[in-house]
Protein backbone atom coordinates (compact mmCIF):
# COMPACT_ATOMS: atom_id res chain seq x y z
CA UNK A 1 0.01 0.07 0.00
CA UNK A 2 1.38 3.53 -0.83
CA UNK A 3 0.01 6.97 -0.41
CA UNK A 4 -0.02 9.44 -3.31
CA UNK A 5 1.75 12.60 -2.53
CA UNK A 6 -1.11 14.63 -4.20
CA UNK A 7 -3.65 12.89 -1.84
CA UNK A 8 -1.22 13.32 0.90
CA UNK A 9 -1.77 17.12 0.57
CA UNK A 10 -5.68 17.03 0.44
CA UNK A 11 -7.20 14.04 2.32
CA UNK A 12 -6.75 11.38 4.97
CA UNK A 13 -4.91 9.19 5.91
CA UNK A 14 -2.21 11.57 4.44
CA UNK A 15 -3.10 15.30 5.25
CA UNK A 16 -1.22 18.40 4.21
CA UNK A 17 2.39 18.86 5.23
CA UNK A 18 1.66 21.60 7.81
CA UNK A 19 -1.04 19.66 9.82
CA UNK A 20 -1.05 17.24 12.55
CA UNK A 21 -3.16 14.23 11.84
CA UNK A 22 -5.48 12.55 14.27
CA UNK A 23 -6.48 8.84 14.13
CA UNK A 24 -10.20 8.24 14.14
CA UNK A 25 -11.48 8.08 17.59
CA UNK A 26 -12.83 4.78 18.75
CA UNK A 27 -16.05 4.84 20.66
CA UNK A 28 -14.98 2.20 23.17
CA UNK A 29 -12.20 4.48 24.36
CA UNK A 30 -12.28 6.70 27.36
CA UNK A 31 -13.89 9.94 26.64
CA UNK A 32 -12.80 13.35 28.36
CA UNK A 33 -15.76 15.33 26.84
CA UNK A 34 -19.32 14.15 26.03
CA UNK A 35 -19.95 13.53 22.20
CA UNK A 36 -21.85 16.75 21.91
CA UNK A 37 -20.43 19.69 23.77
CA UNK A 38 -21.43 23.38 22.65
CA UNK A 39 -18.00 24.49 23.73
CA UNK A 40 -15.52 21.68 22.59
CA UNK A 41 -12.57 23.36 23.95
CA UNK A 42 -13.90 23.58 27.50
CA UNK A 43 -12.84 20.58 29.59
CA UNK A 44 -15.62 19.02 31.45
CA UNK A 45 -14.66 17.99 35.04
CA UNK A 46 -17.99 16.04 35.23
CA UNK A 47 -17.02 13.90 32.27
CA UNK A 48 -14.11 12.67 34.16
CA UNK A 49 -15.77 11.44 37.15
CA UNK A 50 -16.73 7.76 37.41
CA UNK A 51 -18.46 5.64 39.99
CA UNK A 52 -16.26 2.70 38.89
CA UNK A 53 -12.97 1.87 40.89
CA UNK A 54 -10.02 2.84 39.06
CA UNK A 55 -8.64 0.16 36.76
CA UNK A 56 -5.33 1.88 35.95
CA UNK A 57 -2.10 0.50 37.13
CA UNK A 58 -1.42 1.65 40.56
CA UNK A 59 2.08 2.52 40.01
CA UNK A 60 1.23 5.03 37.24
CA UNK A 61 -1.27 6.88 39.50
CA UNK A 62 1.13 7.16 42.53
CA UNK A 63 0.99 10.46 44.41
CA UNK A 64 3.76 13.12 43.61
CA UNK A 65 6.99 12.11 45.45
CA UNK A 66 6.08 8.49 45.63
CA UNK A 67 9.06 6.36 44.39
CA UNK A 68 8.18 4.45 41.32
CA UNK A 69 8.84 0.48 40.90
CA UNK A 70 12.02 0.02 38.83
CA UNK A 71 10.02 -1.56 35.99
CA UNK A 72 8.55 1.73 34.76
CA UNK A 73 11.14 4.35 36.26
CA UNK A 74 11.95 5.74 32.77
CA UNK A 75 8.33 6.83 32.34
CA UNK A 76 7.95 10.05 33.90
CA UNK A 77 4.43 11.34 35.31
CA UNK A 78 3.92 15.11 35.22
CA UNK A 79 1.24 16.75 37.15
CA UNK A 80 0.94 20.35 35.68
CA UNK A 81 1.53 22.36 32.61
CA UNK A 82 4.71 23.66 34.22
CA UNK A 83 6.16 20.20 34.91
CA UNK A 84 5.13 19.30 31.31
CA UNK A 85 6.67 22.22 29.51
CA UNK A 86 9.95 21.71 31.68
CA UNK A 87 10.06 17.98 30.74
CA UNK A 88 9.82 18.90 26.88
CA UNK A 89 12.42 21.64 27.35
CA UNK A 90 14.79 19.09 29.15
CA UNK A 91 14.46 16.66 26.33
CA UNK A 92 15.99 19.05 23.72
CA UNK A 93 15.86 17.37 20.38
CA UNK A 94 14.95 13.94 21.51
CA UNK A 95 11.75 12.30 20.56
CA UNK A 96 9.18 12.71 23.61
CA UNK A 97 6.30 10.35 23.73
CA UNK A 98 3.45 11.41 25.91
CA UNK A 99 0.39 9.16 26.98
CA UNK A 100 -2.52 11.20 28.19
CA UNK A 101 -4.60 8.57 30.18
CA UNK A 102 -7.31 8.40 32.77
CA UNK A 103 -7.69 6.23 35.90
CA UNK A 104 -11.04 4.79 34.73
CA UNK A 105 -10.03 4.07 31.17
CA UNK A 106 -9.60 0.28 30.71
CA UNK A 107 -7.85 0.99 27.33
CA UNK A 108 -5.26 3.27 28.99
CA UNK A 109 -4.47 0.39 31.62
CA UNK A 110 -3.93 -2.09 28.72
CA UNK A 111 -1.66 0.08 26.53
CA UNK A 112 0.44 1.62 29.43
CA UNK A 113 2.44 -1.64 30.07
CA UNK A 114 3.62 -1.76 26.39
CA UNK A 115 4.86 2.04 26.71
CA UNK A 116 6.78 0.95 29.76
CA UNK A 117 8.44 -1.89 27.93
CA UNK A 118 9.31 0.45 25.07
CA UNK A 119 10.96 2.88 27.49
CA UNK A 120 13.32 0.07 28.66
CA UNK A 121 14.59 -0.57 25.05
CA UNK A 122 14.63 3.02 23.49
CA UNK A 123 16.91 4.71 25.77
CA UNK A 124 17.09 7.83 23.47
CA UNK A 125 13.37 8.61 23.68
CA UNK A 126 11.64 10.27 26.47
CA UNK A 127 8.42 8.92 27.83
CA UNK A 128 5.80 10.89 29.81
CA UNK A 129 2.54 10.01 31.51
CA UNK A 130 -0.47 12.45 32.03
CA UNK A 131 -3.25 11.33 34.08
CA UNK A 132 -5.94 13.54 32.80
CA UNK A 133 -8.49 13.17 35.76
CA UNK A 134 -5.69 13.33 38.54
CA UNK A 135 -6.31 17.03 39.38
CA UNK A 136 -7.51 20.41 38.02
CA UNK A 137 -3.85 21.05 36.93
CA UNK A 138 -3.79 17.99 34.71
CA UNK A 139 -7.30 18.81 33.38
CA UNK A 140 -5.88 22.23 32.42
CA UNK A 141 -3.02 20.59 30.72
CA UNK A 142 -5.45 18.37 28.67
CA UNK A 143 -7.51 21.35 27.67
CA UNK A 144 -4.44 23.19 26.41
CA UNK A 145 -3.35 20.13 24.31
CA UNK A 146 -6.96 19.53 23.12
CA UNK A 147 -7.16 16.02 24.45
CA UNK A 148 -10.62 14.74 24.55
CA UNK A 149 -10.29 10.84 24.18
CA UNK A 150 -7.82 8.65 26.08
CA UNK A 151 -5.54 6.88 25.65
CA UNK A 152 -4.02 9.54 23.50
CA UNK A 153 -0.38 9.58 22.33
CA UNK A 154 1.27 12.81 21.35
CA UNK A 155 5.02 12.97 19.96
CA UNK A 156 7.17 16.09 20.34
CA UNK A 157 10.62 17.04 19.18
CA UNK A 158 12.17 20.34 20.21
CA UNK A 159 8.96 21.23 22.11
CA UNK A 160 7.04 20.92 18.91
CA UNK A 161 4.23 18.44 18.44
CA UNK A 162 4.98 16.41 15.27
CA UNK A 163 2.43 13.65 15.47
CA UNK A 164 -0.45 12.25 17.66
CA UNK A 165 -2.68 9.25 17.63
CA UNK A 166 -5.80 8.03 19.29
CA UNK A 167 -7.04 4.44 19.62
CA UNK A 168 -3.89 2.64 18.65
CA UNK A 169 -2.53 -0.69 19.71
CA UNK A 170 1.04 -1.94 20.73
CA UNK A 171 2.19 -2.62 17.23
CA UNK A 172 1.28 0.93 15.96
CA UNK A 173 2.83 2.49 19.10
CA UNK A 174 6.03 0.62 18.54
CA UNK A 175 6.03 1.56 14.83
CA UNK A 176 5.49 5.24 15.75
CA UNK A 177 8.31 5.31 18.23
CA UNK A 178 10.71 3.77 15.74
CA UNK A 179 9.58 5.86 12.98
CA UNK A 180 9.88 9.22 14.74
CA UNK A 181 12.62 8.30 17.23
CA UNK A 182 15.17 6.34 15.34
CA UNK A 183 18.70 7.74 15.79
CA UNK A 184 20.59 4.68 16.71
CA UNK A 185 19.77 1.84 14.10
CA UNK A 186 21.92 1.06 11.11
CA UNK A 187 19.62 3.07 8.78
CA UNK A 188 21.38 6.05 7.65
CA UNK A 189 19.33 9.34 8.12
CA UNK A 190 19.47 11.74 5.09
CA UNK A 191 18.52 15.19 5.37
CA UNK A 192 19.17 16.76 1.79
CA UNK A 193 20.06 15.91 -1.65
CA UNK A 194 23.62 16.49 -0.92
CA UNK A 195 23.45 13.90 1.80
CA UNK A 196 22.14 11.23 -1.02
CA UNK A 197 24.94 12.14 -3.26
CA UNK A 198 27.57 11.64 -0.62
CA UNK A 199 26.26 8.21 0.29
CA UNK A 200 26.24 7.29 -3.36
CA UNK A 201 29.80 8.36 -3.72
CA UNK A 202 30.84 6.65 -0.46
CA UNK A 203 29.61 3.21 -1.75
CA UNK A 204 30.67 3.36 -5.45
CA UNK A 205 33.89 1.62 -4.38
CA UNK A 206 32.36 -1.29 -2.41
CA UNK A 207 29.57 -1.45 -4.92
CA UNK A 208 27.02 -2.25 -2.06
CA UNK A 209 23.47 -2.07 -2.96
CA UNK A 210 21.69 1.11 -1.34
CA UNK A 211 18.11 0.87 -0.26
CA UNK A 212 16.78 4.42 0.07
CA UNK A 213 13.41 4.67 1.99
CA UNK A 214 11.59 7.68 0.76
CA UNK A 215 8.58 8.87 2.83
CA UNK A 216 6.80 11.73 4.48
CA UNK A 217 6.47 12.53 8.16
CA UNK A 218 2.71 11.60 8.75
CA UNK A 219 2.34 8.83 6.11
CA UNK A 220 0.76 5.85 7.75
CA UNK A 221 2.21 3.18 5.30
CA UNK A 222 5.54 4.84 5.66
CA UNK A 223 5.28 4.34 9.44
CA UNK A 224 4.01 0.70 9.15
CA UNK A 225 6.86 -0.57 6.91
CA UNK A 226 9.72 1.28 8.87
CA UNK A 227 10.21 -1.47 11.69
CA UNK A 228 10.74 -3.89 8.85
CA UNK A 229 13.58 -1.58 7.43
CA UNK A 230 15.20 -1.33 10.76
CA UNK A 231 15.11 -5.27 11.01
CA UNK A 232 16.46 -5.78 7.53
CA UNK A 233 19.26 -3.27 8.20
CA UNK A 234 20.44 -5.60 11.02
CA UNK A 235 20.18 -8.63 8.98
CA UNK A 236 21.44 -7.72 5.53
CA UNK A 237 25.03 -6.47 6.17
CA UNK A 238 25.73 -6.41 2.55
CA UNK A 239 23.07 -3.78 1.93
CA UNK A 240 23.16 -0.17 2.94
CA UNK A 241 19.70 1.05 4.18
CA UNK A 242 18.89 4.84 4.37
CA UNK A 243 15.74 7.04 4.88
CA UNK A 244 14.61 10.48 3.90
CA UNK A 245 11.31 12.17 4.80
CA UNK A 246 10.51 14.47 1.94
CA UNK A 247 8.76 17.03 3.84
CA UNK A 248 11.76 17.71 6.21
CA UNK A 249 12.88 20.64 4.25
CA UNK A 250 13.02 22.06 0.71
CA UNK A 251 16.03 20.11 -0.27
CA UNK A 252 14.44 16.83 0.56
CA UNK A 253 11.22 17.87 -1.29
CA UNK A 254 13.33 18.92 -4.37
CA UNK A 255 15.00 15.53 -4.34
CA UNK A 256 11.57 13.71 -4.49
CA UNK A 257 10.64 15.91 -7.42
CA UNK A 258 13.88 15.14 -9.15
CA UNK A 259 13.33 11.49 -8.53
CA UNK A 260 9.82 11.73 -9.84
CA UNK A 261 8.50 10.26 -6.56
CA UNK A 262 4.73 10.68 -6.63
CA UNK A 263 3.77 8.05 -4.07
CA UNK A 264 5.01 7.16 -0.55
CA UNK A 265 6.71 5.02 0.65
CA UNK A 266 8.96 4.78 -2.32
CA UNK A 267 12.07 2.56 -2.04
CA UNK A 268 15.06 3.64 -4.47
CA UNK A 269 17.63 0.88 -5.39
CA UNK A 270 21.03 2.47 -5.90
CA UNK A 271 24.34 0.70 -7.09
CA UNK A 272 27.48 2.09 -8.51
CA UNK A 273 26.24 5.60 -8.18
CA UNK A 274 23.10 5.08 -10.27
CA UNK A 275 19.38 4.42 -9.58
CA UNK A 276 18.82 0.98 -10.89
CA UNK A 277 15.16 0.50 -9.79
CA UNK A 278 12.35 1.24 -7.30
CA UNK A 279 9.64 -0.23 -5.31
CA UNK A 280 6.54 1.59 -4.27
CA UNK A 281 4.49 0.30 -1.36
CA UNK A 282 4.66 -1.02 2.10
CA UNK A 283 4.36 -4.82 1.54
CA UNK A 284 6.90 -6.55 3.67
CA UNK A 285 7.25 -9.58 1.48
CA UNK A 286 7.28 -7.50 -1.74
CA UNK A 287 10.14 -5.26 -0.29
CA UNK A 288 12.35 -8.25 0.64
CA UNK A 289 11.72 -9.81 -2.81
CA UNK A 290 12.77 -6.65 -4.60
CA UNK A 291 15.93 -6.01 -2.46
CA UNK A 292 16.98 -9.59 -3.23
CA UNK A 293 16.27 -9.29 -6.98
CA UNK A 294 18.54 -6.15 -7.01
CA UNK A 295 21.08 -7.98 -5.09
CA UNK A 296 21.15 -10.62 -7.91
CA UNK A 297 19.50 -13.27 -5.74
CA UNK A 298 16.92 -15.37 -7.88
CA UNK A 299 13.55 -15.16 -6.13
CA UNK A 300 10.93 -17.91 -6.96
CA UNK A 301 7.40 -18.05 -5.67
């Protein structure tokens, strides 16, 4: 599956390059606001109240100052706008993943352990938990961030929100974290057309196949296939894997135009300084087959 760049500019799931997409809300997920509110930006304290006993993990709802269990010590819980902004500032240019949750939300309690697990393995990513129904201060934070359903995940870099999701499962959460936070894998991160030219020159001598993953920041299929790219980069030592987001800057977008990339993700296969082929789509099996083919490995079905 691939997303056309023209569609990416006009309709979901790939909206214009200057907007932040929101996944379709699932009706079964916890709601901060009733479905029909005359002033949608107002945060309803009543909507956060529940007569049911809290079902969220006790460790996550510990009072300020309470020492967390070692298992989730890398997930920082914040309790106010001031703490939230300070945590984003302290992270600098690292990816920050924020889960907005509620004590009565079954889905919040189910997804939280997976975020804890990611925090153990992704040391270059910061993880934050906000319990929206904890206090008036956390309610104010949720109002400012326009959070109306939980669990809600927001992704920040350099204090700027770059992506957000609602109603996602563990696989998509992991994919998002890898896609927006990858800075340590074997995949070479390219930020300009000049970076591409240098990579091509560097591998003219060793004649390694270069697989360049070209995508856009908020492209669902691009996020979906990226964990496969990381996995292949670890398994195929004779292949160089690289990635470029076309909407990162003008140089990257010009490269997409020069390469006639009209759908994403597009994988460009480069050898001896020349583009020898391409694959458009996010099919894992098809991608592996194309890589083997351009490596000169005969593939039979």
